[in-house]
Amino acid sequence: MLPEDIILKPVLTEKGYDGIADKRYTFTVKRDANKTQIKIAVEKMFGVKVKSVNTVTQRGKLKRMGRNEGYTPTTKKAIVTLEEGSKAIEFFNTLS
């Protein structure tokens, strides 16, 4: 599996911006990816050293359109912390 298949997109929220100073970045990842696969994908894509990976699975929310109701898709987030000596991810630096 390619790194681009595992890491889908960055999560750009206020809480996510607070972690950039501590070299902690948040990504939406593929639901069946495990922590080891996420770590390897981030290291290959951005050329950094990953210290730890924490994951959160968010259940889809119930949405209604008139009489019809359904759930939004369930997603998985990964919070990636880089090692002290590692360089920062350039994509997030341009946002600050």
PDB file of N, CA and C in Angstrom:
ATOM      1  N   MET A   1       0.845  -1.179   0.000  1.00  0.00           N
ATOM      2  CA  MET A   1       0.000   0.000   0.000  1.00  0.00           C
ATOM      3  C   MET A   1       0.893   1.246   0.000  1.00  0.00           C
ATOM      4  N   LEU A   2       0.547   2.206  -0.825  1.00  0.00           N
ATOM      5  CA  LEU A   2       1.326   3.438  -0.922  1.00  0.00           C
ATOM      6  C   LEU A   2       1.004   4.380   0.233  1.00  0.00           C
ATOM      7  N   PRO A   3       1.952   5.241   0.622  1.00  0.00           N
ATOM      8  CA  PRO A   3       1.675   6.218   1.693  1.00  0.00           C
ATOM      9  C   PRO A   3       0.507   7.144   1.359  1.00  0.00           C
ATOM     10  N   GLU A   4       0.336   7.463   0.059  1.00  0.00           N
ATOM     11  CA  GLU A   4      -0.755   8.341  -0.345  1.00  0.00           C
ATOM     12  C   GLU A   4      -2.116   7.677  -0.149  1.00  0.00           C
ATOM     13  N   ASP A   5      -2.148   6.336  -0.142  1.00  0.00           N
ATOM     14  CA  ASP A   5      -3.398   5.616   0.083  1.00  0.00           C
ATOM     15  C   ASP A   5      -3.780   5.617   1.561  1.00  0.00           C
ATOM     16  N   ILE A   6      -2.805   5.709   2.455  1.00  0.00           N
ATOM     17  CA  ILE A   6      -3.062   5.646   3.897  1.00  0.00           C
ATOM     18  C   ILE A   6      -3.439   7.022   4.435  1.00  0.00           C
ATOM     19  N   ILE A   7      -2.644   8.042   4.130  1.00  0.00           N
ATOM     20  CA  ILE A   7      -2.911   9.399   4.618  1.00  0.00           C
ATOM     21  C   ILE A   7      -3.792  10.097   3.599  1.00  0.00           C
ATOM     22  N   LEU A   8      -5.025  10.416   3.991  1.00  0.00           N
ATOM     23  CA  LEU A   8      -5.987  10.992   3.053  1.00  0.00           C
ATOM     24  C   LEU A   8      -5.891  12.509   2.981  1.00  0.00           C
ATOM     25  N   LYS A   9      -5.878  13.194   4.156  1.00  0.00           N
ATOM     26  CA  LYS A   9      -5.789  14.649   4.154  1.00  0.00           C
ATOM     27  C   LYS A   9      -5.420  15.142   5.549  1.00  0.00           C
ATOM     28  N   PRO A  10      -4.876  16.357   5.647  1.00  0.00           N
ATOM     29  CA  PRO A  10      -4.605  16.924   6.978  1.00  0.00           C
ATOM     30  C   PRO A  10      -5.894  17.453   7.603  1.00  0.00           C
ATOM     31  N   VAL A  11      -5.929  17.472   8.923  1.00  0.00           N
ATOM     32  CA  VAL A  11      -7.069  18.031   9.648  1.00  0.00           C
ATOM     33  C   VAL A  11      -6.669  19.428  10.099  1.00  0.00           C
ATOM     34  N   LEU A  12      -7.365  20.446   9.617  1.00  0.00           N
ATOM     35  CA  LEU A  12      -7.020  21.836   9.897  1.00  0.00           C
ATOM     36  C   LEU A  12      -8.073  22.437  10.822  1.00  0.00           C
ATOM     37  N   THR A  13      -7.839  22.307  12.128  1.00  0.00           N
ATOM     38  CA  THR A  13      -8.747  22.844  13.138  1.00  0.00           C
ATOM     39  C   THR A  13      -7.934  23.676  14.126  1.00  0.00           C
ATOM     40  N   GLU A  14      -8.638  24.377  15.019  1.00  0.00           N
ATOM     41  CA  GLU A  14      -7.936  25.171  16.032  1.00  0.00           C
ATOM     42  C   GLU A  14      -7.068  24.284  16.914  1.00  0.00           C
ATOM     43  N   LYS A  15      -7.613  23.165  17.331  1.00  0.00           N
ATOM     44  CA  LYS A  15      -6.847  22.248  18.178  1.00  0.00           C
ATOM     45  C   LYS A  15      -5.639  21.688  17.418  1.00  0.00           C
ATOM     46  N   GLY A  16      -5.810  21.455  16.130  1.00  0.00           N
ATOM     47  CA  GLY A  16      -4.708  20.978  15.304  1.00  0.00           C
ATOM     48  C   GLY A  16      -3.600  22.010  15.167  1.00  0.00           C
ATOM     49  N   TYR A  17      -3.976  23.290  15.036  1.00  0.00           N
ATOM     50  CA  TYR A  17      -2.983  24.360  14.937  1.00  0.00           C
ATOM     51  C   TYR A  17      -2.190  24.515  16.228  1.00  0.00           C
ATOM     52  N   ASP A  18      -2.824  24.262  17.385  1.00  0.00           N
ATOM     53  CA  ASP A  18      -2.126  24.380  18.663  1.00  0.00           C
ATOM     54  C   ASP A  18      -0.988  23.362  18.781  1.00  0.00           C
ATOM     55  N   GLY A  19      -1.112  22.210  18.144  1.00  0.00           N
ATOM     56  CA  GLY A  19      -0.093  21.175  18.237  1.00  0.00           C
ATOM     57  C   GLY A  19       1.091  21.382  17.319  1.00  0.00           C
ATOM     58  N   ILE A  20       0.993  22.277  16.343  1.00  0.00           N
ATOM     59  CA  ILE A  20       2.076  22.469  15.378  1.00  0.00           C
ATOM     60  C   ILE A  20       3.356  22.918  16.072  1.00  0.00           C
ATOM     61  N   ALA A  21       3.246  23.759  17.092  1.00  0.00           N
ATOM     62  CA  ALA A  21       4.437  24.237  17.814  1.00  0.00           C
ATOM     63  C   ALA A  21       5.149  23.087  18.524  1.00  0.00           C
ATOM     64  N   ASP A  22       4.406  22.061  18.945  1.00  0.00           N
ATOM     65  CA  ASP A  22       4.979  20.895  19.629  1.00  0.00           C
ATOM     66  C   ASP A  22       5.315  19.766  18.661  1.00  0.00           C
ATOM     67  N   LYS A  23       5.277  20.054  17.349  1.00  0.00           N
ATOM     68  CA  LYS A  23       5.502  19.055  16.305  1.00  0.00           C
ATOM     69  C   LYS A  23       4.503  17.906  16.412  1.00  0.00           C
ATOM     70  N   ARG A  24       3.233  18.271  16.589  1.00  0.00           N
ATOM     71  CA  ARG A  24       2.152  17.286  16.655  1.00  0.00           C
ATOM     72  C   ARG A  24       1.160  17.637  15.543  1.00  0.00           C
ATOM     73  N   TYR A  25       0.945  16.705  14.626  1.00  0.00           N
ATOM     74  CA  TYR A  25       0.136  16.961  13.438  1.00  0.00           C
ATOM     75  C   TYR A  25      -1.009  15.955  13.365  1.00  0.00           C
ATOM     76  N   THR A  26      -2.141  16.385  12.806  1.00  0.00           N
ATOM     77  CA  THR A  26      -3.326  15.548  12.726  1.00  0.00           C
ATOM     78  C   THR A  26      -3.687  15.301  11.267  1.00  0.00           C
ATOM     79  N   PHE A  27      -3.970  14.036  10.952  1.00  0.00           N
ATOM     80  CA  PHE A  27      -4.335  13.639   9.597  1.00  0.00           C
ATOM     81  C   PHE A  27      -5.571  12.756   9.625  1.00  0.00           C
ATOM     82  N   THR A  28      -6.376  12.808   8.569  1.00  0.00           N
ATOM     83  CA  THR A  28      -7.418  11.820   8.349  1.00  0.00           C
ATOM     84  C   THR A  28      -6.759  10.670   7.598  1.00  0.00           C
ATOM     85  N   VAL A  29      -6.958   9.458   8.101  1.00  0.00           N
ATOM     86  CA  VAL A  29      -6.292   8.289   7.525  1.00  0.00           C
ATOM     87  C   VAL A  29      -7.330   7.239   7.130  1.00  0.00           C
ATOM     88  N   LYS A  30      -6.870   6.256   6.381  1.00  0.00           N
ATOM     89  CA  LYS A  30      -7.721   5.150   5.972  1.00  0.00           C
ATOM     90  C   LYS A  30      -8.169   4.380   7.204  1.00  0.00           C
ATOM     91  N   ARG A  31      -9.424   3.942   7.226  1.00  0.00           N
ATOM     92  CA  ARG A  31      -9.985   3.327   8.436  1.00  0.00           C
ATOM     93  C   ARG A  31      -9.315   2.026   8.836  1.00  0.00           C
ATOM     94  N   ASP A  32      -8.814   1.253   7.882  1.00  0.00           N
ATOM     95  CA  ASP A  32      -8.212  -0.028   8.241  1.00  0.00           C
ATOM     96  C   ASP A  32      -6.694   0.044   8.423  1.00  0.00           C
ATOM     97  N   ALA A  33      -6.118   1.262   8.418  1.00  0.00           N
ATOM     98  CA  ALA A  33      -4.673   1.424   8.619  1.00  0.00           C
ATOM     99  C   ALA A  33      -4.346   1.344  10.112  1.00  0.00           C
ATOM    100  N   ASN A  34      -3.241   0.662  10.435  1.00  0.00           N
ATOM    101  CA  ASN A  34      -2.824   0.592  11.840  1.00  0.00           C
ATOM    102  C   ASN A  34      -1.720   1.622  12.102  1.00  0.00           C
ATOM    103  N   LYS A  35      -1.311   1.722  13.374  1.00  0.00           N
ATOM    104  CA  LYS A  35      -0.352   2.756  13.771  1.00  0.00           C
ATOM    105  C   LYS A  35       0.992   2.592  13.069  1.00  0.00           C
ATOM    106  N   THR A  36       1.441   1.375  12.887  1.00  0.00           N
ATOM    107  CA  THR A  36       2.722   1.145  12.234  1.00  0.00           C
ATOM    108  C   THR A  36       2.683   1.599  10.779  1.00  0.00           C
ATOM    109  N   GLN A  37       1.601   1.283  10.074  1.00  0.00           N
ATOM    110  CA  GLN A  37       1.468   1.715   8.682  1.00  0.00           C
ATOM    111  C   GLN A  37       1.411   3.236   8.578  1.00  0.00           C
ATOM    112  N   ILE A  38       0.715   3.882   9.517  1.00  0.00           N
ATOM    113  CA  ILE A  38       0.619   5.342   9.518  1.00  0.00           C
ATOM    114  C   ILE A  38       1.992   5.958   9.757  1.00  0.00           C
ATOM    115  N   LYS A  39       2.742   5.406  10.707  1.00  0.00           N
ATOM    116  CA  LYS A  39       4.087   5.909  11.012  1.00  0.00           C
ATOM    117  C   LYS A  39       4.991   5.823   9.790  1.00  0.00           C
ATOM    118  N   ILE A  40       5.004   4.694   9.128  1.00  0.00           N
ATOM    119  CA  ILE A  40       5.846   4.500   7.942  1.00  0.00           C
ATOM    120  C   ILE A  40       5.421   5.450   6.817  1.00  0.00           C
ATOM    121  N   ALA A  41       4.108   5.634   6.639  1.00  0.00           N
ATOM    122  CA  ALA A  41       3.607   6.504   5.575  1.00  0.00           C
ATOM    123  C   ALA A  41       4.022   7.956   5.806  1.00  0.00           C
ATOM    124  N   VAL A  42       3.916   8.447   7.045  1.00  0.00           N
ATOM    125  CA  VAL A  42       4.294   9.834   7.347  1.00  0.00           C
ATOM    126  C   VAL A  42       5.801  10.019   7.147  1.00  0.00           C
ATOM    127  N   GLU A  43       6.594   9.054   7.591  1.00  0.00           N
ATOM    128  CA  GLU A  43       8.051   9.163   7.427  1.00  0.00           C
ATOM    129  C   GLU A  43       8.449   9.190   5.954  1.00  0.00           C
ATOM    130  N   LYS A  44       7.789   8.389   5.118  1.00  0.00           N
ATOM    131  CA  LYS A  44       8.116   8.370   3.693  1.00  0.00           C
ATOM    132  C   LYS A  44       7.629   9.625   2.972  1.00  0.00           C
ATOM    133  N   MET A  45       6.428  10.077   3.289  1.00  0.00           N
ATOM    134  CA  MET A  45       5.856  11.226   2.572  1.00  0.00           C
ATOM    135  C   MET A  45       6.574  12.534   2.885  1.00  0.00           C
ATOM    136  N   PHE A  46       6.918  12.746   4.153  1.00  0.00           N
ATOM    137  CA  PHE A  46       7.444  14.045   4.571  1.00  0.00           C
ATOM    138  C   PHE A  46       8.924  14.019   4.953  1.00  0.00           C
ATOM    139  N   GLY A  47       9.555  12.851   5.006  1.00  0.00           N
ATOM    140  CA  GLY A  47      10.973  12.764   5.336  1.00  0.00           C
ATOM    141  C   GLY A  47      11.280  13.189   6.757  1.00  0.00           C
ATOM    142  N   VAL A  48      10.466  12.764   7.724  1.00  0.00           N
ATOM    143  CA  VAL A  48      10.637  13.112   9.131  1.00  0.00           C
ATOM    144  C   VAL A  48      10.743  11.840   9.966  1.00  0.00           C
ATOM    145  N   LYS A  49      11.088  11.992  11.252  1.00  0.00           N
ATOM    146  CA  LYS A  49      11.134  10.869  12.187  1.00  0.00           C
ATOM    147  C   LYS A  49       9.942  10.974  13.136  1.00  0.00           C
ATOM    148  N   VAL A  50       9.134   9.924  13.200  1.00  0.00           N
ATOM    149  CA  VAL A  50       7.924   9.919  14.020  1.00  0.00           C
ATOM    150  C   VAL A  50       8.221   9.293  15.373  1.00  0.00           C
ATOM    151  N   LYS A  51       7.807   9.992  16.429  1.00  0.00           N
ATOM    152  CA  LYS A  51       7.982   9.491  17.796  1.00  0.00           C
ATOM    153  C   LYS A  51       6.814   8.596  18.195  1.00  0.00           C
ATOM    154  N   SER A  52       5.577   9.081  17.973  1.00  0.00           N
ATOM    155  CA  SER A  52       4.411   8.289  18.348  1.00  0.00           C
ATOM    156  C   SER A  52       3.229   8.619  17.446  1.00  0.00           C
ATOM    157  N   VAL A  53       2.278   7.682  17.420  1.00  0.00           N
ATOM    158  CA  VAL A  53       1.050   7.845  16.647  1.00  0.00           C
ATOM    159  C   VAL A  53      -0.120   7.462  17.548  1.00  0.00           C
ATOM    160  N   ASN A  54      -1.089   8.355  17.684  1.00  0.00           N
ATOM    161  CA  ASN A  54      -2.328   8.066  18.399  1.00  0.00           C
ATOM    162  C   ASN A  54      -3.461   8.122  17.386  1.00  0.00           C
ATOM    163  N   THR A  55      -4.430   7.198  17.507  1.00  0.00           N
ATOM    164  CA  THR A  55      -5.530   7.164  16.560  1.00  0.00           C
ATOM    165  C   THR A  55      -6.867   7.288  17.275  1.00  0.00           C
ATOM    166  N   VAL A  56      -7.841   7.861  16.561  1.00  0.00           N
ATOM    167  CA  VAL A  56      -9.204   8.032  17.056  1.00  0.00           C
ATOM    168  C   VAL A  56     -10.151   7.681  15.925  1.00  0.00           C
ATOM    169  N   THR A  57     -11.118   6.804  16.186  1.00  0.00           N
ATOM    170  CA  THR A  57     -12.149   6.493  15.207  1.00  0.00           C
ATOM    171  C   THR A  57     -13.400   7.271  15.577  1.00  0.00           C
ATOM    172  N   GLN A  58     -13.881   8.102  14.652  1.00  0.00           N
ATOM    173  CA  GLN A  58     -15.054   8.932  14.889  1.00  0.00           C
ATOM    174  C   GLN A  58     -16.252   8.314  14.177  1.00  0.00           C
ATOM    175  N   ARG A  59     -17.268   7.923  14.942  1.00  0.00           N
ATOM    176  CA  ARG A  59     -18.485   7.370  14.352  1.00  0.00           C
ATOM    177  C   ARG A  59     -19.200   8.424  13.541  1.00  0.00           C
ATOM    178  N   GLY A  60     -19.880   7.994  12.492  1.00  0.00           N
ATOM    179  CA  GLY A  60     -20.643   8.908  11.672  1.00  0.00           C
ATOM    180  C   GLY A  60     -21.819   9.479  12.437  1.00  0.00           C
ATOM    181  N   LYS A  61     -22.180  10.718  12.124  1.00  0.00           N
ATOM    182  CA  LYS A  61     -23.300  11.383  12.791  1.00  0.00           C
ATOM    183  C   LYS A  61     -24.609  11.088  12.053  1.00  0.00           C
ATOM    184  N   LEU A  62     -25.707  11.070  12.795  1.00  0.00           N
ATOM    185  CA  LEU A  62     -27.019  10.887  12.209  1.00  0.00           C
ATOM    186  C   LEU A  62     -27.462  12.194  11.554  1.00  0.00           C
ATOM    187  N   LYS A  63     -27.815  12.127  10.286  1.00  0.00           N
ATOM    188  CA  LYS A  63     -28.275  13.302   9.539  1.00  0.00           C
ATOM    189  C   LYS A  63     -29.645  12.988   8.944  1.00  0.00           C
ATOM    190  N   ARG A  64     -30.494  14.010   8.906  1.00  0.00           N
ATOM    191  CA  ARG A  64     -31.824  13.820   8.328  1.00  0.00           C
ATOM    192  C   ARG A  64     -32.062  14.830   7.218  1.00  0.00           C
ATOM    193  N   MET A  65     -32.709  14.375   6.153  1.00  0.00           N
ATOM    194  CA  MET A  65     -33.148  15.217   5.047  1.00  0.00           C
ATOM    195  C   MET A  65     -34.629  14.933   4.862  1.00  0.00           C
ATOM    196  N   GLY A  66     -35.470  15.772   5.460  1.00  0.00           N
ATOM    197  CA  GLY A  66     -36.899  15.501   5.407  1.00  0.00           C
ATOM    198  C   GLY A  66     -37.229  14.269   6.221  1.00  0.00           C
ATOM    199  N   ARG A  67     -37.860  13.290   5.580  1.00  0.00           N
ATOM    200  CA  ARG A  67     -38.171  12.045   6.295  1.00  0.00           C
ATOM    201  C   ARG A  67     -37.030  11.058   6.300  1.00  0.00           C
ATOM    202  N   ASN A  68     -36.116  11.199   5.379  1.00  0.00           N
ATOM    203  CA  ASN A  68     -35.021  10.243   5.254  1.00  0.00           C
ATOM    204  C   ASN A  68     -33.926  10.559   6.254  1.00  0.00           C
ATOM    205  N   GLU A  69     -33.355   9.516   6.797  1.00  0.00           N
ATOM    206  CA  GLU A  69     -32.218   9.720   7.688  1.00  0.00           C
ATOM    207  C   GLU A  69     -31.159   8.683   7.391  1.00  0.00           C
ATOM    208  N   GLY A  70     -29.928   9.061   7.701  1.00  0.00           N
ATOM    209  CA  GLY A  70     -28.797   8.177   7.484  1.00  0.00           C
ATOM    210  C   GLY A  70     -27.612   8.698   8.269  1.00  0.00           C
ATOM    211  N   TYR A  71     -26.512   7.998   8.158  1.00  0.00           N
ATOM    212  CA  TYR A  71     -25.305   8.365   8.890  1.00  0.00           C
ATOM    213  C   TYR A  71     -24.231   8.853   7.930  1.00  0.00           C
ATOM    214  N   THR A  72     -23.464   9.857   8.372  1.00  0.00           N
ATOM    215  CA  THR A  72     -22.298  10.270   7.613  1.00  0.00           C
ATOM    216  C   THR A  72     -21.235   9.186   7.772  1.00  0.00           C
ATOM    217  N   PRO A  73     -20.246   9.133   6.911  1.00  0.00           N
ATOM    218  CA  PRO A  73     -19.248   8.074   7.006  1.00  0.00           C
ATOM    219  C   PRO A  73     -18.434   8.143   8.305  1.00  0.00           C
ATOM    220  N   THR A  74     -18.055   6.984   8.817  1.00  0.00           N
ATOM    221  CA  THR A  74     -17.154   6.895   9.960  1.00  0.00           C
ATOM    222  C   THR A  74     -15.743   7.174   9.465  1.00  0.00           C
ATOM    223  N   THR A  75     -14.998   8.001  10.207  1.00  0.00           N
ATOM    224  CA  THR A  75     -13.642   8.369   9.798  1.00  0.00           C
ATOM    225  C   THR A  75     -12.647   8.011  10.896  1.00  0.00           C
ATOM    226  N   LYS A  76     -11.375   8.025  10.535  1.00  0.00           N
ATOM    227  CA  LYS A  76     -10.303   7.744  11.491  1.00  0.00           C
ATOM    228  C   LYS A  76      -9.280   8.864  11.407  1.00  0.00           C
ATOM    229  N   LYS A  77      -8.891   9.401  12.578  1.00  0.00           N
ATOM    230  CA  LYS A  77      -7.871  10.445  12.645  1.00  0.00           C
ATOM    231  C   LYS A  77      -6.613   9.874  13.290  1.00  0.00           C
ATOM    232  N   ALA A  78      -5.475  10.385  12.865  1.00  0.00           N
ATOM    233  CA  ALA A  78      -4.200  10.016  13.464  1.00  0.00           C
ATOM    234  C   ALA A  78      -3.503  11.288  13.926  1.00  0.00           C
ATOM    235  N   ILE A  79      -3.094  11.300  15.205  1.00  0.00           N
ATOM    236  CA  ILE A  79      -2.318  12.412  15.752  1.00  0.00           C
ATOM    237  C   ILE A  79      -0.874  11.922  15.804  1.00  0.00           C
ATOM    238  N   VAL A  80      -0.021  12.547  14.998  1.00  0.00           N
ATOM    239  CA  VAL A  80       1.359  12.105  14.840  1.00  0.00           C
ATOM    240  C   VAL A  80       2.278  13.087  15.551  1.00  0.00           C
ATOM    241  N   THR A  81       3.114  12.582  16.463  1.00  0.00           N
ATOM    242  CA  THR A  81       4.095  13.403  17.169  1.00  0.00           C
ATOM    243  C   THR A  81       5.478  13.075  16.612  1.00  0.00           C
ATOM    244  N   LEU A  82       6.231  14.123  16.255  1.00  0.00           N
ATOM    245  CA  LEU A  82       7.573  13.928  15.708  1.00  0.00           C
ATOM    246  C   LEU A  82       8.614  13.963  16.815  1.00  0.00           C
ATOM    247  N   GLU A  83       9.784  13.372  16.539  1.00  0.00           N
ATOM    248  CA  GLU A  83      10.883  13.385  17.499  1.00  0.00           C
ATOM    249  C   GLU A  83      11.473  14.788  17.609  1.00  0.00           C
ATOM    250  N   GLU A  84      12.185  15.043  18.702  1.00  0.00           N
ATOM    251  CA  GLU A  84      12.745  16.373  18.980  1.00  0.00           C
ATOM    252  C   GLU A  84      13.669  16.858  17.867  1.00  0.00           C
ATOM    253  N   GLY A  85      14.571  16.016  17.395  1.00  0.00           N
ATOM    254  CA  GLY A  85      15.550  16.430  16.399  1.00  0.00           C
ATOM    255  C   GLY A  85      15.023  16.456  14.975  1.00  0.00           C
ATOM    256  N   SER A  86      13.802  16.013  14.773  1.00  0.00           N
ATOM    257  CA  SER A  86      13.245  15.927  13.438  1.00  0.00           C
ATOM    258  C   SER A  86      12.827  17.312  12.935  1.00  0.00           C
ATOM    259  N   LYS A  87      12.894  17.477  11.609  1.00  0.00           N
ATOM    260  CA  LYS A  87      12.452  18.753  11.031  1.00  0.00           C
ATOM    261  C   LYS A  87      10.923  18.798  11.024  1.00  0.00           C
ATOM    262  N   ALA A  88      10.371  19.996  10.921  1.00  0.00           N
ATOM    263  CA  ALA A  88       8.921  20.178  10.904  1.00  0.00           C
ATOM    264  C   ALA A  88       8.380  19.857   9.510  1.00  0.00           C
ATOM    265  N   ILE A  89       7.106  19.534   9.438  1.00  0.00           N
ATOM    266  CA  ILE A  89       6.464  19.279   8.153  1.00  0.00           C
ATOM    267  C   ILE A  89       6.170  20.628   7.498  1.00  0.00           C
ATOM    268  N   GLU A  90       6.706  20.836   6.305  1.00  0.00           N
ATOM    269  CA  GLU A  90       6.661  22.142   5.644  1.00  0.00           C
ATOM    270  C   GLU A  90       5.244  22.592   5.312  1.00  0.00           C
ATOM    271  N   PHE A  91       4.368  21.657   4.990  1.00  0.00           N
ATOM    272  CA  PHE A  91       2.991  22.016   4.622  1.00  0.00           C
ATOM    273  C   PHE A  91       2.307  22.790   5.734  1.00  0.00           C
ATOM    274  N   PHE A  92       2.495  22.368   6.970  1.00  0.00           N
ATOM    275  CA  PHE A  92       1.837  23.023   8.102  1.00  0.00           C
ATOM    276  C   PHE A  92       2.497  24.356   8.443  1.00  0.00           C
ATOM    277  N   ASN A  93       3.773  24.520   8.161  1.00  0.00           N
ATOM    278  CA  ASN A  93       4.467  25.774   8.443  1.00  0.00           C
ATOM    279  C   ASN A  93       3.961  26.917   7.566  1.00  0.00           C
ATOM    280  N   THR A  94       3.511  26.607   6.354  1.00  0.00           N
ATOM    281  CA  THR A  94       3.022  27.649   5.461  1.00  0.00           C
ATOM    282  C   THR A  94       1.651  28.155   5.897  1.00  0.00           C
ATOM    283  N   LEU A  95       0.944  27.398   6.742  1.00  0.00           N
ATOM    284  CA  LEU A  95      -0.378  27.795   7.191  1.00  0.00           C
ATOM    285  C   LEU A  95      -0.342  28.755   8.369  1.00  0.00           C
ATOM    286  N   SER A  96       0.698  28.699   9.161  1.00  0.00           N
ATOM    287  CA  SER A  96       0.766  29.522  10.386  1.00  0.00           C
ATOM    288  C   SER A  96       0.962  30.983  10.083  1.00  0.00           C
TER     289      SER A  96
END
